[in-house]
Amino acid sequence: MKASITNTSRAPQGVHAVTGLVFIEPGQSRDVDVADDYVERVKALPFLDAQWGDAASDPLDHDAGGKKGGSAPNDSPTERDDLKAQAKELGIDHAKNISTEKLRELIDAKLAA
């Protein structure tokens, strides 16, 4: 799986690519075709910052979903999805473009009532 990987540690790090072991120096980024059996390991390592798929070459793909747009880097899509589900369960009608903050406020008000 293709990724642009940045080494945020203070030591060189090795990544198992399809073509063999690739070393990334501290602070450097490299485009790597990560071996399939090593993808989960790269995702789990806190000192390797990886942008997967088309996001590696498209800075407008904020959620690495392969398309421009997506959630902004500071948003938590999981929290927003949870809030939308909770609002639906509580019968709260809301605009599709409601802010996460406002949705949270609506849910809190409904629960307090």
PDB file of N, CA and C in Angstrom:
ATOM      1  N   MET A   1       0.849  -1.162   0.000  1.00  0.00           N
ATOM      2  CA  MET A   1       0.000   0.000   0.000  1.00  0.00           C
ATOM      3  C   MET A   1       0.901   1.233   0.000  1.00  0.00           C
ATOM      4  N   LYS A   2       0.649   2.164  -0.892  1.00  0.00           N
ATOM      5  CA  LYS A   2       1.490   3.342  -1.025  1.00  0.00           C
ATOM      6  C   LYS A   2       1.218   4.338   0.088  1.00  0.00           C
ATOM      7  N   ALA A   3       2.302   4.948   0.576  1.00  0.00           N
ATOM      8  CA  ALA A   3       2.201   5.936   1.633  1.00  0.00           C
ATOM      9  C   ALA A   3       3.367   6.897   1.559  1.00  0.00           C
ATOM     10  N   SER A   4       3.134   8.102   2.034  1.00  0.00           N
ATOM     11  CA  SER A   4       4.197   9.060   2.259  1.00  0.00           C
ATOM     12  C   SER A   4       4.452   9.019   3.758  1.00  0.00           C
ATOM     13  N   ILE A   5       5.645   8.589   4.167  1.00  0.00           N
ATOM     14  CA  ILE A   5       5.941   8.355   5.576  1.00  0.00           C
ATOM     15  C   ILE A   5       7.003   9.336   6.054  1.00  0.00           C
ATOM     16  N   THR A   6       6.732   9.969   7.197  1.00  0.00           N
ATOM     17  CA  THR A   6       7.683  10.876   7.837  1.00  0.00           C
ATOM     18  C   THR A   6       8.161  10.236   9.120  1.00  0.00           C
ATOM     19  N   ASN A   7       9.473  10.247   9.324  1.00  0.00           N
ATOM     20  CA  ASN A   7      10.080   9.717  10.543  1.00  0.00           C
ATOM     21  C   ASN A   7      10.179  10.857  11.548  1.00  0.00           C
ATOM     22  N   THR A   8       9.391  10.798  12.628  1.00  0.00           N
ATOM     23  CA  THR A   8       9.396  11.855  13.644  1.00  0.00           C
ATOM     24  C   THR A   8      10.303  11.519  14.817  1.00  0.00           C
ATOM     25  N   SER A   9      11.016  10.399  14.750  1.00  0.00           N
ATOM     26  CA  SER A   9      11.914  10.028  15.843  1.00  0.00           C
ATOM     27  C   SER A   9      13.278  10.676  15.643  1.00  0.00           C
ATOM     28  N   ARG A  10      14.201  10.405  16.576  1.00  0.00           N
ATOM     29  CA  ARG A  10      15.548  10.951  16.479  1.00  0.00           C
ATOM     30  C   ARG A  10      16.542   9.929  15.925  1.00  0.00           C
ATOM     31  N   ALA A  11      16.040   8.812  15.429  1.00  0.00           N
ATOM     32  CA  ALA A  11      16.909   7.760  14.889  1.00  0.00           C
ATOM     33  C   ALA A  11      16.370   7.294  13.543  1.00  0.00           C
ATOM     34  N   PRO A  12      17.234   6.776  12.681  1.00  0.00           N
ATOM     35  CA  PRO A  12      16.753   6.222  11.412  1.00  0.00           C
ATOM     36  C   PRO A  12      15.780   5.069  11.685  1.00  0.00           C
ATOM     37  N   GLN A  13      14.752   4.973  10.870  1.00  0.00           N
ATOM     38  CA  GLN A  13      13.753   3.916  11.029  1.00  0.00           C
ATOM     39  C   GLN A  13      13.624   3.145   9.721  1.00  0.00           C
ATOM     40  N   GLY A  14      13.469   1.833   9.842  1.00  0.00           N
ATOM     41  CA  GLY A  14      13.299   0.985   8.670  1.00  0.00           C
ATOM     42  C   GLY A  14      11.841   0.635   8.449  1.00  0.00           C
ATOM     43  N   VAL A  15      11.434   0.634   7.204  1.00  0.00           N
ATOM     44  CA  VAL A  15      10.073   0.262   6.812  1.00  0.00           C
ATOM     45  C   VAL A  15      10.180  -0.834   5.770  1.00  0.00           C
ATOM     46  N   HIS A  16       9.432  -1.901   5.963  1.00  0.00           N
ATOM     47  CA  HIS A  16       9.442  -3.001   4.998  1.00  0.00           C
ATOM     48  C   HIS A  16       8.575  -2.628   3.797  1.00  0.00           C
ATOM     49  N   ALA A  17       9.239  -2.373   2.687  1.00  0.00           N
ATOM     50  CA  ALA A  17       8.558  -2.032   1.444  1.00  0.00           C
ATOM     51  C   ALA A  17       8.453  -3.280   0.579  1.00  0.00           C
ATOM     52  N   VAL A  18       7.681  -3.188  -0.471  1.00  0.00           N
ATOM     53  CA  VAL A  18       7.519  -4.287  -1.412  1.00  0.00           C
ATOM     54  C   VAL A  18       8.879  -4.688  -1.995  1.00  0.00           C
ATOM     55  N   THR A  19       9.754  -3.701  -2.185  1.00  0.00           N
ATOM     56  CA  THR A  19      11.063  -3.959  -2.782  1.00  0.00           C
ATOM     57  C   THR A  19      12.144  -4.295  -1.765  1.00  0.00           C
ATOM     58  N   GLY A  20      11.830  -4.270  -0.484  1.00  0.00           N
ATOM     59  CA  GLY A  20      12.809  -4.554   0.561  1.00  0.00           C
ATOM     60  C   GLY A  20      12.781  -3.488   1.639  1.00  0.00           C
ATOM     61  N   LEU A  21      13.736  -3.532   2.538  1.00  0.00           N
ATOM     62  CA  LEU A  21      13.797  -2.605   3.657  1.00  0.00           C
ATOM     63  C   LEU A  21      14.236  -1.222   3.179  1.00  0.00           C
ATOM     64  N   VAL A  22      13.457  -0.201   3.588  1.00  0.00           N
ATOM     65  CA  VAL A  22      13.736   1.188   3.234  1.00  0.00           C
ATOM     66  C   VAL A  22      13.970   1.946   4.528  1.00  0.00           C
ATOM     67  N   PHE A  23      15.090   2.667   4.619  1.00  0.00           N
ATOM     68  CA  PHE A  23      15.374   3.460   5.807  1.00  0.00           C
ATOM     69  C   PHE A  23      14.964   4.904   5.586  1.00  0.00           C
ATOM     70  N   ILE A  24      14.397   5.503   6.635  1.00  0.00           N
ATOM     71  CA  ILE A  24      13.984   6.903   6.607  1.00  0.00           C
ATOM     72  C   ILE A  24      14.741   7.607   7.727  1.00  0.00           C
ATOM     73  N   GLU A  25      15.504   8.619   7.363  1.00  0.00           N
ATOM     74  CA  GLU A  25      16.287   9.369   8.334  1.00  0.00           C
ATOM     75  C   GLU A  25      15.376  10.245   9.205  1.00  0.00           C
ATOM     76  N   PRO A  26      15.821  10.631  10.399  1.00  0.00           N
ATOM     77  CA  PRO A  26      15.010  11.481  11.280  1.00  0.00           C
ATOM     78  C   PRO A  26      14.580  12.774  10.585  1.00  0.00           C
ATOM     79  N   GLY A  27      13.302  13.087  10.677  1.00  0.00           N
ATOM     80  CA  GLY A  27      12.759  14.303  10.076  1.00  0.00           C
ATOM     81  C   GLY A  27      12.511  14.221   8.586  1.00  0.00           C
ATOM     82  N   GLN A  28      12.897  13.137   7.942  1.00  0.00           N
ATOM     83  CA  GLN A  28      12.709  13.002   6.494  1.00  0.00           C
ATOM     84  C   GLN A  28      11.400  12.300   6.170  1.00  0.00           C
ATOM     85  N   SER A  29      10.906  12.542   4.967  1.00  0.00           N
ATOM     86  CA  SER A  29       9.725  11.865   4.435  1.00  0.00           C
ATOM     87  C   SER A  29      10.120  11.113   3.177  1.00  0.00           C
ATOM     88  N   ARG A  30       9.507   9.954   2.979  1.00  0.00           N
ATOM     89  CA  ARG A  30       9.743   9.164   1.759  1.00  0.00           C
ATOM     90  C   ARG A  30       8.440   8.546   1.311  1.00  0.00           C
ATOM     91  N   ASP A  31       8.270   8.468  -0.004  1.00  0.00           N
ATOM     92  CA  ASP A  31       7.147   7.735  -0.563  1.00  0.00           C
ATOM     93  C   ASP A  31       7.551   6.269  -0.612  1.00  0.00           C
ATOM     94  N   VAL A  32       6.732   5.411   0.010  1.00  0.00           N
ATOM     95  CA  VAL A  32       7.065   3.997   0.139  1.00  0.00           C
ATOM     96  C   VAL A  32       5.851   3.159  -0.237  1.00  0.00           C
ATOM     97  N   ASP A  33       6.075   2.090  -0.986  1.00  0.00           N
ATOM     98  CA  ASP A  33       5.031   1.098  -1.248  1.00  0.00           C
ATOM     99  C   ASP A  33       5.202   0.030  -0.161  1.00  0.00           C
ATOM    100  N   VAL A  34       4.472   0.199   0.952  1.00  0.00           N
ATOM    101  CA  VAL A  34       4.635  -0.648   2.132  1.00  0.00           C
ATOM    102  C   VAL A  34       4.136  -2.062   1.841  1.00  0.00           C
ATOM    103  N   ALA A  35       4.912  -3.048   2.269  1.00  0.00           N
ATOM    104  CA  ALA A  35       4.516  -4.448   2.104  1.00  0.00           C
ATOM    105  C   ALA A  35       3.206  -4.691   2.851  1.00  0.00           C
ATOM    106  N   ASP A  36       2.309  -5.476   2.251  1.00  0.00           N
ATOM    107  CA  ASP A  36       0.973  -5.697   2.807  1.00  0.00           C
ATOM    108  C   ASP A  36       0.987  -6.187   4.252  1.00  0.00           C
ATOM    109  N   ASP A  37       1.917  -7.067   4.582  1.00  0.00           N
ATOM    110  CA  ASP A  37       1.943  -7.619   5.936  1.00  0.00           C
ATOM    111  C   ASP A  37       2.597  -6.669   6.947  1.00  0.00           C
ATOM    112  N   TYR A  38       3.021  -5.488   6.510  1.00  0.00           N
ATOM    113  CA  TYR A  38       3.664  -4.525   7.401  1.00  0.00           C
ATOM    114  C   TYR A  38       2.837  -3.255   7.594  1.00  0.00           C
ATOM    115  N   VAL A  39       1.716  -3.123   6.868  1.00  0.00           N
ATOM    116  CA  VAL A  39       0.885  -1.916   6.918  1.00  0.00           C
ATOM    117  C   VAL A  39       0.399  -1.626   8.341  1.00  0.00           C
ATOM    118  N   GLU A  40      -0.149  -2.623   9.026  1.00  0.00           N
ATOM    119  CA  GLU A  40      -0.673  -2.407  10.378  1.00  0.00           C
ATOM    120  C   GLU A  40       0.434  -1.982  11.336  1.00  0.00           C
ATOM    121  N   ARG A  41       1.621  -2.522  11.156  1.00  0.00           N
ATOM    122  CA  ARG A  41       2.764  -2.161  12.015  1.00  0.00           C
ATOM    123  C   ARG A  41       3.122  -0.694  11.830  1.00  0.00           C
ATOM    124  N   VAL A  42       3.173  -0.232  10.571  1.00  0.00           N
ATOM    125  CA  VAL A  42       3.480   1.172  10.302  1.00  0.00           C
ATOM    126  C   VAL A  42       2.417   2.067  10.932  1.00  0.00           C
ATOM    127  N   LYS A  43       1.156   1.677  10.820  1.00  0.00           N
ATOM    128  CA  LYS A  43       0.069   2.471  11.402  1.00  0.00           C
ATOM    129  C   LYS A  43       0.179   2.549  12.921  1.00  0.00           C
ATOM    130  N   ALA A  44       0.715   1.517  13.552  1.00  0.00           N
ATOM    131  CA  ALA A  44       0.794   1.454  15.011  1.00  0.00           C
ATOM    132  C   ALA A  44       2.004   2.187  15.586  1.00  0.00           C
ATOM    133  N   LEU A  45       3.016   2.407  14.792  1.00  0.00           N
ATOM    134  CA  LEU A  45       4.234   3.027  15.308  1.00  0.00           C
ATOM    135  C   LEU A  45       4.049   4.539  15.448  1.00  0.00           C
ATOM    136  N   PRO A  46       4.177   5.068  16.671  1.00  0.00           N
ATOM    137  CA  PRO A  46       3.895   6.489  16.900  1.00  0.00           C
ATOM    138  C   PRO A  46       4.915   7.435  16.257  1.00  0.00           C
ATOM    139  N   PHE A  47       6.107   6.947  15.938  1.00  0.00           N
ATOM    140  CA  PHE A  47       7.138   7.812  15.370  1.00  0.00           C
ATOM    141  C   PHE A  47       7.148   7.810  13.853  1.00  0.00           C
ATOM    142  N   LEU A  48       6.222   7.078  13.223  1.00  0.00           N
ATOM    143  CA  LEU A  48       6.082   7.122  11.775  1.00  0.00           C
ATOM    144  C   LEU A  48       4.741   7.759  11.440  1.00  0.00           C
ATOM    145  N   ASP A  49       4.791   8.916  10.811  1.00  0.00           N
ATOM    146  CA  ASP A  49       3.584   9.634  10.417  1.00  0.00           C
ATOM    147  C   ASP A  49       3.325   9.316   8.949  1.00  0.00           C
ATOM    148  N   ALA A  50       2.295   8.515   8.681  1.00  0.00           N
ATOM    149  CA  ALA A  50       2.035   8.047   7.315  1.00  0.00           C
ATOM    150  C   ALA A  50       0.759   8.642   6.752  1.00  0.00           C
ATOM    151  N   GLN A  51       0.831   9.076   5.496  1.00  0.00           N
ATOM    152  CA  GLN A  51      -0.329   9.512   4.728  1.00  0.00           C
ATOM    153  C   GLN A  51      -0.536   8.452   3.663  1.00  0.00           C
ATOM    154  N   TRP A  52      -1.659   7.748   3.740  1.00  0.00           N
ATOM    155  CA  TRP A  52      -1.890   6.579   2.891  1.00  0.00           C
ATOM    156  C   TRP A  52      -2.591   6.915   1.599  1.00  0.00           C
ATOM    157  N   GLY A  53      -2.324   6.124   0.574  1.00  0.00           N
ATOM    158  CA  GLY A  53      -3.021   6.210  -0.709  1.00  0.00           C
ATOM    159  C   GLY A  53      -2.835   7.549  -1.389  1.00  0.00           C
ATOM    160  N   ASP A  54      -3.935   8.089  -1.956  1.00  0.00           N
ATOM    161  CA  ASP A  54      -3.878   9.348  -2.686  1.00  0.00           C
ATOM    162  C   ASP A  54      -3.532  10.514  -1.788  1.00  0.00           C
ATOM    163  N   ALA A  55      -3.775  10.384  -0.476  1.00  0.00           N
ATOM    164  CA  ALA A  55      -3.453  11.468   0.449  1.00  0.00           C
ATOM    165  C   ALA A  55      -1.962  11.758   0.446  1.00  0.00           C
ATOM    166  N   ALA A  56      -1.165  10.752   0.085  1.00  0.00           N
ATOM    167  CA  ALA A  56       0.277  10.947   0.061  1.00  0.00           C
ATOM    168  C   ALA A  56       0.666  12.016  -0.949  1.00  0.00           C
ATOM    169  N   SER A  57      -0.112  12.173  -2.012  1.00  0.00           N
ATOM    170  CA  SER A  57       0.228  13.153  -3.025  1.00  0.00           C
ATOM    171  C   SER A  57      -0.792  14.281  -3.106  1.00  0.00           C
ATOM    172  N   ASP A  58      -1.867  14.234  -2.362  1.00  0.00           N
ATOM    173  CA  ASP A  58      -2.894  15.264  -2.422  1.00  0.00           C
ATOM    174  C   ASP A  58      -3.109  15.883  -1.045  1.00  0.00           C
ATOM    175  N   PRO A  59      -2.569  17.075  -0.803  1.00  0.00           N
ATOM    176  CA  PRO A  59      -2.714  17.694   0.506  1.00  0.00           C
ATOM    177  C   PRO A  59      -4.147  18.095   0.844  1.00  0.00           C
ATOM    178  N   LEU A  60      -5.055  18.082  -0.136  1.00  0.00           N
ATOM    179  CA  LEU A  60      -6.441  18.419   0.133  1.00  0.00           C
ATOM    180  C   LEU A  60      -7.263  17.225   0.598  1.00  0.00           C
ATOM    181  N   ASP A  61      -6.663  16.046   0.660  1.00  0.00           N
ATOM    182  CA  ASP A  61      -7.341  14.846   1.167  1.00  0.00           C
ATOM    183  C   ASP A  61      -7.090  14.776   2.670  1.00  0.00           C
ATOM    184  N   HIS A  62      -7.924  15.474   3.446  1.00  0.00           N
ATOM    185  CA  HIS A  62      -7.698  15.638   4.876  1.00  0.00           C
ATOM    186  C   HIS A  62      -7.902  14.365   5.689  1.00  0.00           C
ATOM    187  N   ASP A  63      -8.731  13.466   5.220  1.00  0.00           N
ATOM    188  CA  ASP A  63      -9.005  12.263   6.014  1.00  0.00           C
ATOM    189  C   ASP A  63      -8.412  11.006   5.382  1.00  0.00           C
ATOM    190  N   ALA A  64      -7.557  11.158   4.394  1.00  0.00           N
ATOM    191  CA  ALA A  64      -6.902  10.045   3.704  1.00  0.00           C
ATOM    192  C   ALA A  64      -7.905   9.063   3.118  1.00  0.00           C
ATOM    193  N   GLY A  65      -9.044   9.601   2.686  1.00  0.00           N
ATOM    194  CA  GLY A  65     -10.068   8.764   2.090  1.00  0.00           C
ATOM    195  C   GLY A  65      -9.941   8.626   0.587  1.00  0.00           C
ATOM    196  N   GLY A  66      -8.938   9.261   0.008  1.00  0.00           N
ATOM    197  CA  GLY A  66      -8.726   9.149  -1.423  1.00  0.00           C
ATOM    198  C   GLY A  66      -9.432  10.216  -2.235  1.00  0.00           C
ATOM    199  N   LYS A  67     -10.112  11.168  -1.577  1.00  0.00           N
ATOM    200  CA  LYS A  67     -10.818  12.247  -2.264  1.00  0.00           C
ATOM    201  C   LYS A  67     -10.485  13.559  -1.585  1.00  0.00           C
ATOM    202  N   LYS A  68     -10.602  14.650  -2.350  1.00  0.00           N
ATOM    203  CA  LYS A  68     -10.403  15.969  -1.757  1.00  0.00           C
ATOM    204  C   LYS A  68     -11.484  16.218  -0.705  1.00  0.00           C
ATOM    205  N   GLY A  69     -11.104  16.922   0.341  1.00  0.00           N
ATOM    206  CA  GLY A  69     -12.077  17.249   1.381  1.00  0.00           C
ATOM    207  C   GLY A  69     -11.956  16.302   2.549  1.00  0.00           C
ATOM    208  N   GLY A  70     -13.079  15.868   3.056  1.00  0.00           N
ATOM    209  CA  GLY A  70     -13.065  15.030   4.244  1.00  0.00           C
ATOM    210  C   GLY A  70     -13.084  15.898   5.470  1.00  0.00           C
ATOM    211  N   SER A  71     -12.806  15.324   6.580  1.00  0.00           N
ATOM    212  CA  SER A  71     -12.821  16.097   7.809  1.00  0.00           C
ATOM    213  C   SER A  71     -11.554  16.928   7.896  1.00  0.00           C
ATOM    214  N   ALA A  72     -11.666  18.067   8.535  1.00  0.00           N
ATOM    215  CA  ALA A  72     -10.498  18.915   8.742  1.00  0.00           C
ATOM    216  C   ALA A  72      -9.557  18.206   9.700  1.00  0.00           C
ATOM    217  N   PRO A  73      -8.271  18.486   9.630  1.00  0.00           N
ATOM    218  CA  PRO A  73      -7.318  17.780  10.469  1.00  0.00           C
ATOM    219  C   PRO A  73      -7.608  17.855  11.967  1.00  0.00           C
ATOM    220  N   ASN A  74      -8.247  18.918  12.456  1.00  0.00           N
ATOM    221  CA  ASN A  74      -8.512  19.052  13.889  1.00  0.00           C
ATOM    222  C   ASN A  74      -9.844  18.466  14.315  1.00  0.00           C
ATOM    223  N   ASP A  75     -10.677  18.045  13.377  1.00  0.00           N
ATOM    224  CA  ASP A  75     -11.962  17.443  13.721  1.00  0.00           C
ATOM    225  C   ASP A  75     -11.772  15.985  14.076  1.00  0.00           C
ATOM    226  N   SER A  76     -12.682  15.471  14.899  1.00  0.00           N
ATOM    227  CA  SER A  76     -12.658  14.058  15.231  1.00  0.00           C
ATOM    228  C   SER A  76     -13.860  13.404  14.558  1.00  0.00           C
ATOM    229  N   PRO A  77     -13.684  12.764  13.392  1.00  0.00           N
ATOM    230  CA  PRO A  77     -14.824  12.183  12.691  1.00  0.00           C
ATOM    231  C   PRO A  77     -15.565  11.159  13.544  1.00  0.00           C
ATOM    232  N   THR A  78     -14.866  10.435  14.382  1.00  0.00           N
ATOM    233  CA  THR A  78     -15.514   9.441  15.222  1.00  0.00           C
ATOM    234  C   THR A  78     -16.471  10.109  16.200  1.00  0.00           C
ATOM    235  N   GLU A  79     -16.041  11.179  16.830  1.00  0.00           N
ATOM    236  CA  GLU A  79     -16.901  11.894  17.771  1.00  0.00           C
ATOM    237  C   GLU A  79     -18.126  12.438  17.047  1.00  0.00           C
ATOM    238  N   ARG A  80     -17.938  13.024  15.877  1.00  0.00           N
ATOM    239  CA  ARG A  80     -19.063  13.593  15.125  1.00  0.00           C
ATOM    240  C   ARG A  80     -20.049  12.498  14.720  1.00  0.00           C
ATOM    241  N   ASP A  81     -19.532  11.374  14.260  1.00  0.00           N
ATOM    242  CA  ASP A  81     -20.408  10.262  13.895  1.00  0.00           C
ATOM    243  C   ASP A  81     -21.203   9.776  15.111  1.00  0.00           C
ATOM    244  N   ASP A  82     -20.532   9.697  16.262  1.00  0.00           N
ATOM    245  CA  ASP A  82     -21.216   9.285  17.487  1.00  0.00           C
ATOM    246  C   ASP A  82     -22.311  10.278  17.872  1.00  0.00           C
ATOM    247  N   LEU A  83     -22.013  11.567  17.731  1.00  0.00           N
ATOM    248  CA  LEU A  83     -23.007  12.592  18.063  1.00  0.00           C
ATOM    249  C   LEU A  83     -24.210  12.526  17.120  1.00  0.00           C
ATOM    250  N   LYS A  84     -23.953  12.297  15.847  1.00  0.00           N
ATOM    251  CA  LYS A  84     -25.061  12.176  14.893  1.00  0.00           C
ATOM    252  C   LYS A  84     -25.950  10.981  15.234  1.00  0.00           C
ATOM    253  N   ALA A  85     -25.331   9.862  15.584  1.00  0.00           N
ATOM    254  CA  ALA A  85     -26.102   8.674  15.956  1.00  0.00           C
ATOM    255  C   ALA A  85     -26.911   8.927  17.224  1.00  0.00           C
ATOM    256  N   GLN A  86     -26.289   9.602  18.196  1.00  0.00           N
ATOM    257  CA  GLN A  86     -26.993   9.901  19.448  1.00  0.00           C
ATOM    258  C   GLN A  86     -28.159  10.854  19.191  1.00  0.00           C
ATOM    259  N   ALA A  87     -27.965  11.846  18.330  1.00  0.00           N
ATOM    260  CA  ALA A  87     -29.035  12.784  17.994  1.00  0.00           C
ATOM    261  C   ALA A  87     -30.199  12.056  17.334  1.00  0.00           C
ATOM    262  N   LYS A  88     -29.891  11.108  16.467  1.00  0.00           N
ATOM    263  CA  LYS A  88     -30.941  10.335  15.801  1.00  0.00           C
ATOM    264  C   LYS A  88     -31.733   9.526  16.821  1.00  0.00           C
ATOM    265  N   GLU A  89     -31.023   8.886  17.764  1.00  0.00           N
ATOM    266  CA  GLU A  89     -31.700   8.093  18.801  1.00  0.00           C
ATOM    267  C   GLU A  89     -32.597   8.955  19.677  1.00  0.00           C
ATOM    268  N   LEU A  90     -32.174  10.203  19.915  1.00  0.00           N
ATOM    269  CA  LEU A  90     -32.959  11.107  20.767  1.00  0.00           C
ATOM    270  C   LEU A  90     -34.044  11.842  19.989  1.00  0.00           C
ATOM    271  N   GLY A  91     -34.098  11.633  18.674  1.00  0.00           N
ATOM    272  CA  GLY A  91     -35.111  12.280  17.843  1.00  0.00           C
ATOM    273  C   GLY A  91     -34.842  13.751  17.603  1.00  0.00           C
ATOM    274  N   ILE A  92     -33.595  14.142  17.614  1.00  0.00           N
ATOM    275  CA  ILE A  92     -33.224  15.537  17.387  1.00  0.00           C
ATOM    276  C   ILE A  92     -33.023  15.768  15.894  1.00  0.00           C
ATOM    277  N   ASP A  93     -33.830  16.666  15.333  1.00  0.00           N
ATOM    278  CA  ASP A  93     -33.662  17.049  13.935  1.00  0.00           C
ATOM    279  C   ASP A  93     -32.604  18.141  13.854  1.00  0.00           C
ATOM    280  N   HIS A  94     -31.713  18.041  12.877  1.00  0.00           N
ATOM    281  CA  HIS A  94     -30.660  19.042  12.733  1.00  0.00           C
ATOM    282  C   HIS A  94     -30.251  19.131  11.281  1.00  0.00           C
ATOM    283  N   ALA A  95     -29.677  20.272  10.934  1.00  0.00           N
ATOM    284  CA  ALA A  95     -29.165  20.462   9.574  1.00  0.00           C
ATOM    285  C   ALA A  95     -27.953  19.565   9.359  1.00  0.00           C
ATOM    286  N   LYS A  96     -27.767  19.104   8.139  1.00  0.00           N
ATOM    287  CA  LYS A  96     -26.624  18.232   7.836  1.00  0.00           C
ATOM    288  C   LYS A  96     -25.290  18.935   8.053  1.00  0.00           C
ATOM    289  N   ASN A  97     -25.269  20.252   7.888  1.00  0.00           N
ATOM    290  CA  ASN A  97     -24.019  20.994   8.027  1.00  0.00           C
ATOM    291  C   ASN A  97     -23.853  21.629   9.407  1.00  0.00           C
ATOM    292  N   ILE A  98     -24.580  21.143  10.398  1.00  0.00           N
ATOM    293  CA  ILE A  98     -24.470  21.666  11.753  1.00  0.00           C
ATOM    294  C   ILE A  98     -23.059  21.424  12.284  1.00  0.00           C
ATOM    295  N   SER A  99     -22.555  22.367  13.044  1.00  0.00           N
ATOM    296  CA  SER A  99     -21.208  22.193  13.601  1.00  0.00           C
ATOM    297  C   SER A  99     -21.241  21.127  14.695  1.00  0.00           C
ATOM    298  N   THR A 100     -20.104  20.508  14.908  1.00  0.00           N
ATOM    299  CA  THR A 100     -19.999  19.486  15.948  1.00  0.00           C
ATOM    300  C   THR A 100     -20.339  20.087  17.307  1.00  0.00           C
ATOM    301  N   GLU A 101     -19.844  21.297  17.553  1.00  0.00           N
ATOM    302  CA  GLU A 101     -20.111  21.989  18.829  1.00  0.00           C
ATOM    303  C   GLU A 101     -21.612  22.201  19.031  1.00  0.00           C
ATOM    304  N   LYS A 102     -22.303  22.695  18.016  1.00  0.00           N
ATOM    305  CA  LYS A 102     -23.736  22.967  18.119  1.00  0.00           C
ATOM    306  C   LYS A 102     -24.515  21.663  18.296  1.00  0.00           C
ATOM    307  N   LEU A 103     -24.121  20.615  17.603  1.00  0.00           N
ATOM    308  CA  LEU A 103     -24.781  19.317  17.741  1.00  0.00           C
ATOM    309  C   LEU A 103     -24.629  18.809  19.173  1.00  0.00           C
ATOM    310  N   ARG A 104     -23.430  18.964  19.730  1.00  0.00           N
ATOM    311  CA  ARG A 104     -23.187  18.562  21.118  1.00  0.00           C
ATOM    312  C   ARG A 104     -24.091  19.340  22.065  1.00  0.00           C
ATOM    313  N   GLU A 105     -24.250  20.657  21.811  1.00  0.00           N
ATOM    314  CA  GLU A 105     -25.112  21.510  22.636  1.00  0.00           C
ATOM    315  C   GLU A 105     -26.578  21.058  22.584  1.00  0.00           C
ATOM    316  N   LEU A 106     -27.051  20.706  21.374  1.00  0.00           N
ATOM    317  CA  LEU A 106     -28.428  20.239  21.217  1.00  0.00           C
ATOM    318  C   LEU A 106     -28.668  18.942  22.006  1.00  0.00           C
ATOM    319  N   ILE A 107     -27.709  18.035  21.931  1.00  0.00           N
ATOM    320  CA  ILE A 107     -27.826  16.758  22.639  1.00  0.00           C
ATOM    321  C   ILE A 107     -27.810  17.005  24.147  1.00  0.00           C
ATOM    322  N   ASP A 108     -26.896  17.849  24.621  1.00  0.00           N
ATOM    323  CA  ASP A 108     -26.824  18.149  26.053  1.00  0.00           C
ATOM    324  C   ASP A 108     -28.113  18.781  26.546  1.00  0.00           C
ATOM    325  N   ALA A 109     -28.702  19.681  25.757  1.00  0.00           N
ATOM    326  CA  ALA A 109     -29.953  20.311  26.144  1.00  0.00           C
ATOM    327  C   ALA A 109     -31.084  19.307  26.207  1.00  0.00           C
ATOM    328  N   LYS A 110     -31.117  18.378  25.265  1.00  0.00           N
ATOM    329  CA  LYS A 110     -32.168  17.357  25.241  1.00  0.00           C
ATOM    330  C   LYS A 110     -32.036  16.427  26.440  1.00  0.00           C
ATOM    331  N   LEU A 111     -30.811  16.044  26.770  1.00  0.00           N
ATOM    332  CA  LEU A 111     -30.581  15.159  27.905  1.00  0.00           C
ATOM    333  C   LEU A 111     -30.869  15.850  29.230  1.00  0.00           C
ATOM    334  N   ALA A 112     -30.659  17.167  29.294  1.00  0.00           N
ATOM    335  CA  ALA A 112     -30.905  17.923  30.529  1.00  0.00           C
ATOM    336  C   ALA A 112     -32.388  18.149  30.768  1.00  0.00           C
ATOM    337  N   ALA A 113     -33.179  18.084  29.703  1.00  0.00           N
ATOM    338  CA  ALA A 113     -34.630  18.359  29.816  1.00  0.00           C
ATOM    339  C   ALA A 113     -35.373  17.200  30.440  1.00  0.00           C
TER     340      ALA A 113
END
